[in-house]
Amino acid sequence: MKRQTIEELRRQLVFAEDRAADSDWMVRDQGRKDVKRLKAAIARRERDQAYRDCGMTKVRGALGGTYYE
């Protein structure tokens, strides 16, 4: 599966925000979950890109955590 770009995630966020404003409660709840997930993904990608631009690499710690060095 291809990794989505930040621009693609932002476009999906617009559609999810529309669904979050829907009058049907099931659609609205799923839309809110999608908005939360997409905002977290966008923030994670932007943070990762900022670290990579600084020349840092992402590594896995011995206990499973992720950090940059």
PDB file of N, CA and C in Angstrom:
ATOM      1  N   MET A   1       0.831  -1.172   0.000  1.00  0.00           N
ATOM      2  CA  MET A   1       0.000   0.000   0.000  1.00  0.00           C
ATOM      3  C   MET A   1       0.883   1.246   0.000  1.00  0.00           C
ATOM      4  N   LYS A   2       0.532   2.204  -0.846  1.00  0.00           N
ATOM      5  CA  LYS A   2       1.305   3.425  -0.996  1.00  0.00           C
ATOM      6  C   LYS A   2       1.084   4.354   0.192  1.00  0.00           C
ATOM      7  N   ARG A   3       2.157   4.966   0.663  1.00  0.00           N
ATOM      8  CA  ARG A   3       2.051   5.919   1.769  1.00  0.00           C
ATOM      9  C   ARG A   3       1.424   7.217   1.254  1.00  0.00           C
ATOM     10  N   GLN A   4       0.419   7.688   1.945  1.00  0.00           N
ATOM     11  CA  GLN A   4      -0.283   8.889   1.515  1.00  0.00           C
ATOM     12  C   GLN A   4       0.506  10.134   1.888  1.00  0.00           C
ATOM     13  N   THR A   5       0.431  11.128   1.022  1.00  0.00           N
ATOM     14  CA  THR A   5       1.112  12.391   1.295  1.00  0.00           C
ATOM     15  C   THR A   5       0.265  13.231   2.245  1.00  0.00           C
ATOM     16  N   ILE A   6       0.872  14.257   2.784  1.00  0.00           N
ATOM     17  CA  ILE A   6       0.165  15.149   3.711  1.00  0.00           C
ATOM     18  C   ILE A   6      -0.991  15.839   2.992  1.00  0.00           C
ATOM     19  N   GLU A   7      -0.796  16.181   1.717  1.00  0.00           N
ATOM     20  CA  GLU A   7      -1.861  16.845   0.959  1.00  0.00           C
ATOM     21  C   GLU A   7      -3.070  15.928   0.789  1.00  0.00           C
ATOM     22  N   GLU A   8      -2.827  14.646   0.521  1.00  0.00           N
ATOM     23  CA  GLU A   8      -3.928  13.684   0.384  1.00  0.00           C
ATOM     24  C   GLU A   8      -4.678  13.528   1.701  1.00  0.00           C
ATOM     25  N   LEU A   9      -3.940  13.508   2.815  1.00  0.00           N
ATOM     26  CA  LEU A   9      -4.579  13.399   4.122  1.00  0.00           C
ATOM     27  C   LEU A   9      -5.424  14.627   4.428  1.00  0.00           C
ATOM     28  N   ARG A  10      -4.937  15.805   4.032  1.00  0.00           N
ATOM     29  CA  ARG A  10      -5.709  17.027   4.263  1.00  0.00           C
ATOM     30  C   ARG A  10      -7.002  17.027   3.454  1.00  0.00           C
ATOM     31  N   ARG A  11      -6.951  16.492   2.217  1.00  0.00           N
ATOM     32  CA  ARG A  11      -8.177  16.394   1.411  1.00  0.00           C
ATOM     33  C   ARG A  11      -9.173  15.442   2.067  1.00  0.00           C
ATOM     34  N   GLN A  12      -8.693  14.334   2.585  1.00  0.00           N
ATOM     35  CA  GLN A  12      -9.568  13.393   3.276  1.00  0.00           C
ATOM     36  C   GLN A  12     -10.167  14.035   4.521  1.00  0.00           C
ATOM     37  N   LEU A  13      -9.394  14.884   5.188  1.00  0.00           N
ATOM     38  CA  LEU A  13      -9.869  15.558   6.391  1.00  0.00           C
ATOM     39  C   LEU A  13     -11.061  16.463   6.086  1.00  0.00           C
ATOM     40  N   VAL A  14     -11.041  17.117   4.942  1.00  0.00           N
ATOM     41  CA  VAL A  14     -12.160  17.984   4.555  1.00  0.00           C
ATOM     42  C   VAL A  14     -13.440  17.160   4.434  1.00  0.00           C
ATOM     43  N   PHE A  15     -13.363  16.004   3.803  1.00  0.00           N
ATOM     44  CA  PHE A  15     -14.539  15.150   3.650  1.00  0.00           C
ATOM     45  C   PHE A  15     -14.996  14.585   4.995  1.00  0.00           C
ATOM     46  N   ALA A  16     -14.045  14.246   5.852  1.00  0.00           N
ATOM     47  CA  ALA A  16     -14.402  13.710   7.165  1.00  0.00           C
ATOM     48  C   ALA A  16     -15.076  14.779   8.021  1.00  0.00           C
ATOM     49  N   GLU A  17     -14.627  16.027   7.902  1.00  0.00           N
ATOM     50  CA  GLU A  17     -15.267  17.108   8.657  1.00  0.00           C
ATOM     51  C   GLU A  17     -16.691  17.336   8.181  1.00  0.00           C
ATOM     52  N   ASP A  18     -16.934  17.160   6.883  1.00  0.00           N
ATOM     53  CA  ASP A  18     -18.302  17.260   6.367  1.00  0.00           C
ATOM     54  C   ASP A  18     -19.178  16.155   6.957  1.00  0.00           C
ATOM     55  N   ARG A  19     -18.631  14.946   7.032  1.00  0.00           N
ATOM     56  CA  ARG A  19     -19.398  13.837   7.606  1.00  0.00           C
ATOM     57  C   ARG A  19     -19.626  14.036   9.095  1.00  0.00           C
ATOM     58  N   ALA A  20     -18.687  14.686   9.778  1.00  0.00           N
ATOM     59  CA  ALA A  20     -18.823  14.930  11.215  1.00  0.00           C
ATOM     60  C   ALA A  20     -19.946  15.925  11.501  1.00  0.00           C
ATOM     61  N   ALA A  21     -20.336  16.709  10.483  1.00  0.00           N
ATOM     62  CA  ALA A  21     -21.425  17.673  10.651  1.00  0.00           C
ATOM     63  C   ALA A  21     -22.758  17.120  10.164  1.00  0.00           C
ATOM     64  N   ASP A  22     -22.817  15.850   9.817  1.00  0.00           N
ATOM     65  CA  ASP A  22     -24.041  15.232   9.297  1.00  0.00           C
ATOM     66  C   ASP A  22     -25.094  15.114  10.388  1.00  0.00           C
ATOM     67  N   SER A  23     -26.358  15.054   9.976  1.00  0.00           N
ATOM     68  CA  SER A  23     -27.445  14.974  10.952  1.00  0.00           C
ATOM     69  C   SER A  23     -27.660  13.550  11.478  1.00  0.00           C
ATOM     70  N   ASP A  24     -27.251  12.539  10.719  1.00  0.00           N
ATOM     71  CA  ASP A  24     -27.386  11.149  11.158  1.00  0.00           C
ATOM     72  C   ASP A  24     -26.300  10.853  12.206  1.00  0.00           C
ATOM     73  N   TRP A  25     -26.695  10.374  13.367  1.00  0.00           N
ATOM     74  CA  TRP A  25     -25.741  10.225  14.474  1.00  0.00           C
ATOM     75  C   TRP A  25     -24.669   9.186  14.187  1.00  0.00           C
ATOM     76  N   MET A  26     -24.983   8.125  13.436  1.00  0.00           N
ATOM     77  CA  MET A  26     -23.970   7.110  13.140  1.00  0.00           C
ATOM     78  C   MET A  26     -22.902   7.665  12.196  1.00  0.00           C
ATOM     79  N   VAL A  27     -23.336   8.387  11.186  1.00  0.00           N
ATOM     80  CA  VAL A  27     -22.393   8.997  10.250  1.00  0.00           C
ATOM     81  C   VAL A  27     -21.565  10.053  10.969  1.00  0.00           C
ATOM     82  N   ARG A  28     -22.214  10.834  11.836  1.00  0.00           N
ATOM     83  CA  ARG A  28     -21.527  11.894  12.574  1.00  0.00           C
ATOM     84  C   ARG A  28     -20.455  11.312  13.494  1.00  0.00           C
ATOM     85  N   ASP A  29     -20.772  10.237  14.208  1.00  0.00           N
ATOM     86  CA  ASP A  29     -19.792   9.628  15.113  1.00  0.00           C
ATOM     87  C   ASP A  29     -18.591   9.078  14.345  1.00  0.00           C
ATOM     88  N   GLN A  30     -18.856   8.407  13.222  1.00  0.00           N
ATOM     89  CA  GLN A  30     -17.750   7.881  12.419  1.00  0.00           C
ATOM     90  C   GLN A  30     -16.924   9.022  11.832  1.00  0.00           C
ATOM     91  N   GLY A  31     -17.591  10.091  11.430  1.00  0.00           N
ATOM     92  CA  GLY A  31     -16.878  11.257  10.898  1.00  0.00           C
ATOM     93  C   GLY A  31     -15.970  11.879  11.940  1.00  0.00           C
ATOM     94  N   ARG A  32     -16.444  11.951  13.182  1.00  0.00           N
ATOM     95  CA  ARG A  32     -15.617  12.515  14.259  1.00  0.00           C
ATOM     96  C   ARG A  32     -14.391  11.644  14.513  1.00  0.00           C
ATOM     97  N   LYS A  33     -14.571  10.327  14.470  1.00  0.00           N
ATOM     98  CA  LYS A  33     -13.429   9.422  14.655  1.00  0.00           C
ATOM     99  C   LYS A  33     -12.422   9.590  13.525  1.00  0.00           C
ATOM    100  N   ASP A  34     -12.936   9.729  12.299  1.00  0.00           N
ATOM    101  CA  ASP A  34     -12.049   9.925  11.156  1.00  0.00           C
ATOM    102  C   ASP A  34     -11.292  11.240  11.254  1.00  0.00           C
ATOM    103  N   VAL A  35     -11.962  12.295  11.706  1.00  0.00           N
ATOM    104  CA  VAL A  35     -11.306  13.594  11.863  1.00  0.00           C
ATOM    105  C   VAL A  35     -10.167  13.477  12.862  1.00  0.00           C
ATOM    106  N   LYS A  36     -10.410  12.848  13.978  1.00  0.00           N
ATOM    107  CA  LYS A  36      -9.389  12.696  15.011  1.00  0.00           C
ATOM    108  C   LYS A  36      -8.196  11.884  14.482  1.00  0.00           C
ATOM    109  N   ARG A  37      -8.480  10.791  13.776  1.00  0.00           N
ATOM    110  CA  ARG A  37      -7.429   9.933  13.224  1.00  0.00           C
ATOM    111  C   ARG A  37      -6.609  10.672  12.172  1.00  0.00           C
ATOM    112  N   LEU A  38      -7.285  11.411  11.295  1.00  0.00           N
ATOM    113  CA  LEU A  38      -6.580  12.120  10.236  1.00  0.00           C
ATOM    114  C   LEU A  38      -5.743  13.271  10.778  1.00  0.00           C
ATOM    115  N   LYS A  39      -6.242  13.991  11.778  1.00  0.00           N
ATOM    116  CA  LYS A  39      -5.454  15.064  12.378  1.00  0.00           C
ATOM    117  C   LYS A  39      -4.181  14.516  13.023  1.00  0.00           C
ATOM    118  N   ALA A  40      -4.294  13.368  13.681  1.00  0.00           N
ATOM    119  CA  ALA A  40      -3.119  12.752  14.297  1.00  0.00           C
ATOM    120  C   ALA A  40      -2.123  12.301  13.228  1.00  0.00           C
ATOM    121  N   ALA A  41      -2.629  11.749  12.128  1.00  0.00           N
ATOM    122  CA  ALA A  41      -1.743  11.289  11.050  1.00  0.00           C
ATOM    123  C   ALA A  41      -1.016  12.463  10.403  1.00  0.00           C
ATOM    124  N   ILE A  42      -1.732  13.569  10.195  1.00  0.00           N
ATOM    125  CA  ILE A  42      -1.108  14.747   9.596  1.00  0.00           C
ATOM    126  C   ILE A  42      -0.023  15.292  10.522  1.00  0.00           C
ATOM    127  N   ALA A  43      -0.316  15.401  11.804  1.00  0.00           N
ATOM    128  CA  ALA A  43       0.680  15.903  12.764  1.00  0.00           C
ATOM    129  C   ALA A  43       1.900  14.989  12.816  1.00  0.00           C
ATOM    130  N   ARG A  44       1.671  13.678  12.783  1.00  0.00           N
ATOM    131  CA  ARG A  44       2.773  12.718  12.827  1.00  0.00           C
ATOM    132  C   ARG A  44       3.657  12.846  11.583  1.00  0.00           C
ATOM    133  N   ARG A  45       3.033  12.981  10.409  1.00  0.00           N
ATOM    134  CA  ARG A  45       3.809  13.115   9.174  1.00  0.00           C
ATOM    135  C   ARG A  45       4.589  14.427   9.148  1.00  0.00           C
ATOM    136  N   GLU A  46       3.966  15.523   9.605  1.00  0.00           N
ATOM    137  CA  GLU A  46       4.667  16.811   9.622  1.00  0.00           C
ATOM    138  C   GLU A  46       5.843  16.780  10.590  1.00  0.00           C
ATOM    139  N   ARG A  47       5.657  16.170  11.759  1.00  0.00           N
ATOM    140  CA  ARG A  47       6.736  16.066  12.741  1.00  0.00           C
ATOM    141  C   ARG A  47       7.872  15.202  12.186  1.00  0.00           C
ATOM    142  N   ASP A  48       7.526  14.088  11.543  1.00  0.00           N
ATOM    143  CA  ASP A  48       8.522  13.196  10.957  1.00  0.00           C
ATOM    144  C   ASP A  48       9.315  13.925   9.878  1.00  0.00           C
ATOM    145  N   GLN A  49       8.619  14.697   9.047  1.00  0.00           N
ATOM    146  CA  GLN A  49       9.293  15.437   7.984  1.00  0.00           C
ATOM    147  C   GLN A  49      10.223  16.503   8.557  1.00  0.00           C
ATOM    148  N   ALA A  50       9.808  17.163   9.623  1.00  0.00           N
ATOM    149  CA  ALA A  50      10.657  18.188  10.243  1.00  0.00           C
ATOM    150  C   ALA A  50      11.942  17.568  10.788  1.00  0.00           C
ATOM    151  N   TYR A  51      11.829  16.414  11.442  1.00  0.00           N
ATOM    152  CA  TYR A  51      13.027  15.741  11.952  1.00  0.00           C
ATOM    153  C   TYR A  51      13.925  15.290  10.810  1.00  0.00           C
ATOM    154  N   ARG A  52      13.335  14.756   9.747  1.00  0.00           N
ATOM    155  CA  ARG A  52      14.143  14.309   8.608  1.00  0.00           C
ATOM    156  C   ARG A  52      14.843  15.482   7.931  1.00  0.00           C
ATOM    157  N   ASP A  53      14.186  16.636   7.860  1.00  0.00           N
ATOM    158  CA  ASP A  53      14.811  17.823   7.278  1.00  0.00           C
ATOM    159  C   ASP A  53      16.010  18.281   8.096  1.00  0.00           C
ATOM    160  N   CYS A  54      16.004  17.994   9.396  1.00  0.00           N
ATOM    161  CA  CYS A  54      17.132  18.329  10.264  1.00  0.00           C
ATOM    162  C   CYS A  54      18.255  17.297  10.167  1.00  0.00           C
ATOM    163  N   GLY A  55      18.044  16.239   9.409  1.00  0.00           N
ATOM    164  CA  GLY A  55      19.062  15.214   9.228  1.00  0.00           C
ATOM    165  C   GLY A  55      18.990  14.084  10.235  1.00  0.00           C
ATOM    166  N   MET A  56      17.913  14.012  10.999  1.00  0.00           N
ATOM    167  CA  MET A  56      17.786  12.960  12.002  1.00  0.00           C
ATOM    168  C   MET A  56      17.094  11.743  11.389  1.00  0.00           C
ATOM    169  N   THR A  57      17.339  10.584  11.985  1.00  0.00           N
ATOM    170  CA  THR A  57      16.692   9.366  11.517  1.00  0.00           C
ATOM    171  C   THR A  57      15.842   8.776  12.637  1.00  0.00           C
ATOM    172  N   LYS A  58      14.761   8.134  12.252  1.00  0.00           N
ATOM    173  CA  LYS A  58      13.862   7.513  13.223  1.00  0.00           C
ATOM    174  C   LYS A  58      14.385   6.113  13.538  1.00  0.00           C
ATOM    175  N   VAL A  59      14.486   5.795  14.827  1.00  0.00           N
ATOM    176  CA  VAL A  59      14.970   4.481  15.251  1.00  0.00           C
ATOM    177  C   VAL A  59      14.025   3.923  16.302  1.00  0.00           C
ATOM    178  N   ARG A  60      14.073   2.606  16.473  1.00  0.00           N
ATOM    179  CA  ARG A  60      13.276   1.932  17.486  1.00  0.00           C
ATOM    180  C   ARG A  60      14.152   1.657  18.693  1.00  0.00           C
ATOM    181  N   GLY A  61      13.641   1.981  19.879  1.00  0.00           N
ATOM    182  CA  GLY A  61      14.370   1.724  21.111  1.00  0.00           C
ATOM    183  C   GLY A  61      14.269   0.260  21.509  1.00  0.00           C
ATOM    184  N   ALA A  62      15.035  -0.113  22.509  1.00  0.00           N
ATOM    185  CA  ALA A  62      15.064  -1.494  22.974  1.00  0.00           C
ATOM    186  C   ALA A  62      13.725  -1.924  23.569  1.00  0.00           C
ATOM    187  N   LEU A  63      12.961  -0.970  24.124  1.00  0.00           N
ATOM    188  CA  LEU A  63      11.667  -1.302  24.730  1.00  0.00           C
ATOM    189  C   LEU A  63      10.512  -1.065  23.779  1.00  0.00           C
ATOM    190  N   GLY A  64      10.812  -0.776  22.500  1.00  0.00           N
ATOM    191  CA  GLY A  64       9.756  -0.626  21.507  1.00  0.00           C
ATOM    192  C   GLY A  64       9.358   0.789  21.195  1.00  0.00           C
ATOM    193  N   GLY A  65       9.919   1.769  21.897  1.00  0.00           N
ATOM    194  CA  GLY A  65       9.583   3.153  21.627  1.00  0.00           C
ATOM    195  C   GLY A  65      10.275   3.664  20.370  1.00  0.00           C
ATOM    196  N   THR A  66       9.763   4.746  19.821  1.00  0.00           N
ATOM    197  CA  THR A  66      10.364   5.346  18.639  1.00  0.00           C
ATOM    198  C   THR A  66      10.952   6.701  19.019  1.00  0.00           C
ATOM    199  N   TYR A  67      12.170   6.950  18.578  1.00  0.00           N
ATOM    200  CA  TYR A  67      12.790   8.238  18.828  1.00  0.00           C
ATOM    201  C   TYR A  67      13.707   8.593  17.662  1.00  0.00           C
ATOM    202  N   TYR A  68      14.199   9.813  17.645  1.00  0.00           N
ATOM    203  CA  TYR A  68      15.059  10.294  16.560  1.00  0.00           C
ATOM    204  C   TYR A  68      16.455  10.554  17.099  1.00  0.00           C
ATOM    205  N   GLU A  69      17.450  10.256  16.284  1.00  0.00           N
ATOM    206  CA  GLU A  69      18.838  10.527  16.681  1.00  0.00           C
ATOM    207  C   GLU A  69      19.627  11.029  15.497  1.00  0.00           C
TER     208      GLU A  69
END
